[in-house]
Amino acid sequence: MMKATFIFRWDDISPFQDAGKFSRLAELFVQYHIPAVLGVIPDNRDDSIRFNPSGDSDFTGRLKALEKRGWEIAMHGYRHLKHTEDGGLLGLNRASEFAGRPYENQAADIGQGKKLLTDSGFEPITFIAPWHAYDHNTLRALAESGFKAFSDGWSLYPTMTAGLLQAPVILWSAPTRMKMLNRLGGIYTICLHPHLAGDDDLGQLERFFRDHRPEVVTIKNLAGQAEAVSRKTMRKRVLEGVFARLYTRRWDE
């Protein structure tokens, strides 16, 4: 039986997050030796996700401890601010920090965000666009800033896009369909928001970790073998067709 590979991506990570909910989720993942990709906002200015106005003074230390366990530190936008209503290449939301802005502005924000993370001792190679909104200028700026991958899109397997590894995402936050996906095969990113994770979500995750012992990697793991991972074999093409029939909601190419 084919078995899927999962990537667990956490969005909206910053010193101003809900530290209690973050810790609960992190403890569960650590208990089952499951790594996650942490989408860190370098300079969070979005009041809707600033739950702790004073900030966590040990935020960097917590991330470094998780990184030592094999977790990945990715960059989730720059300030998580809505600059345009351009949905970008995917067209999912009428909000964007990047899509629709001139290349120079996007490149400046991406460069500044990356500098803040590198100054804190991290070396992010994966980018996560807020609101799933990015355009060709975003991808160009990412490649020129040294990023190797971005997390977005809808597919069974990663692909190479504009010289970057594109890791596809499953949109729902609660892992209600992971058992079925585990049988289907493929490589999936499950997107979680720690501040939205309730008891039901934690329970489903724990049962899945305990009962199925899933194969879990980070995007950084895949980026080192990007061409091989993204290569479309005949088996992958057949599975993509099955996947397309199972899901009616598709990402725009």
Foldseek 3Di string as FASTA:
>chain_A
DAFAEEAEEAPDDEQQAPVVLVVVVVVLCVVLLFAHEYAYALAAPDPVGRNHVVGDPCSLVVVVVSVVSVHHYAHEFHHLDFPFLAQAQQNPGGTFPEPPDDLVVLLVRVLVSQVSVVVSPHHHQEYETPPLHYYPSNLVSSVVSRHAAYEDFDFQFWAADSRHTYAYEDPDQQPPCNVVNRVLYGYYYRYHHSVPDDPNSSVSVSCCCVVPVHNYHHVVVCSVVRVVRRDDDPVRVVSRVVVCVVDVDGTRD
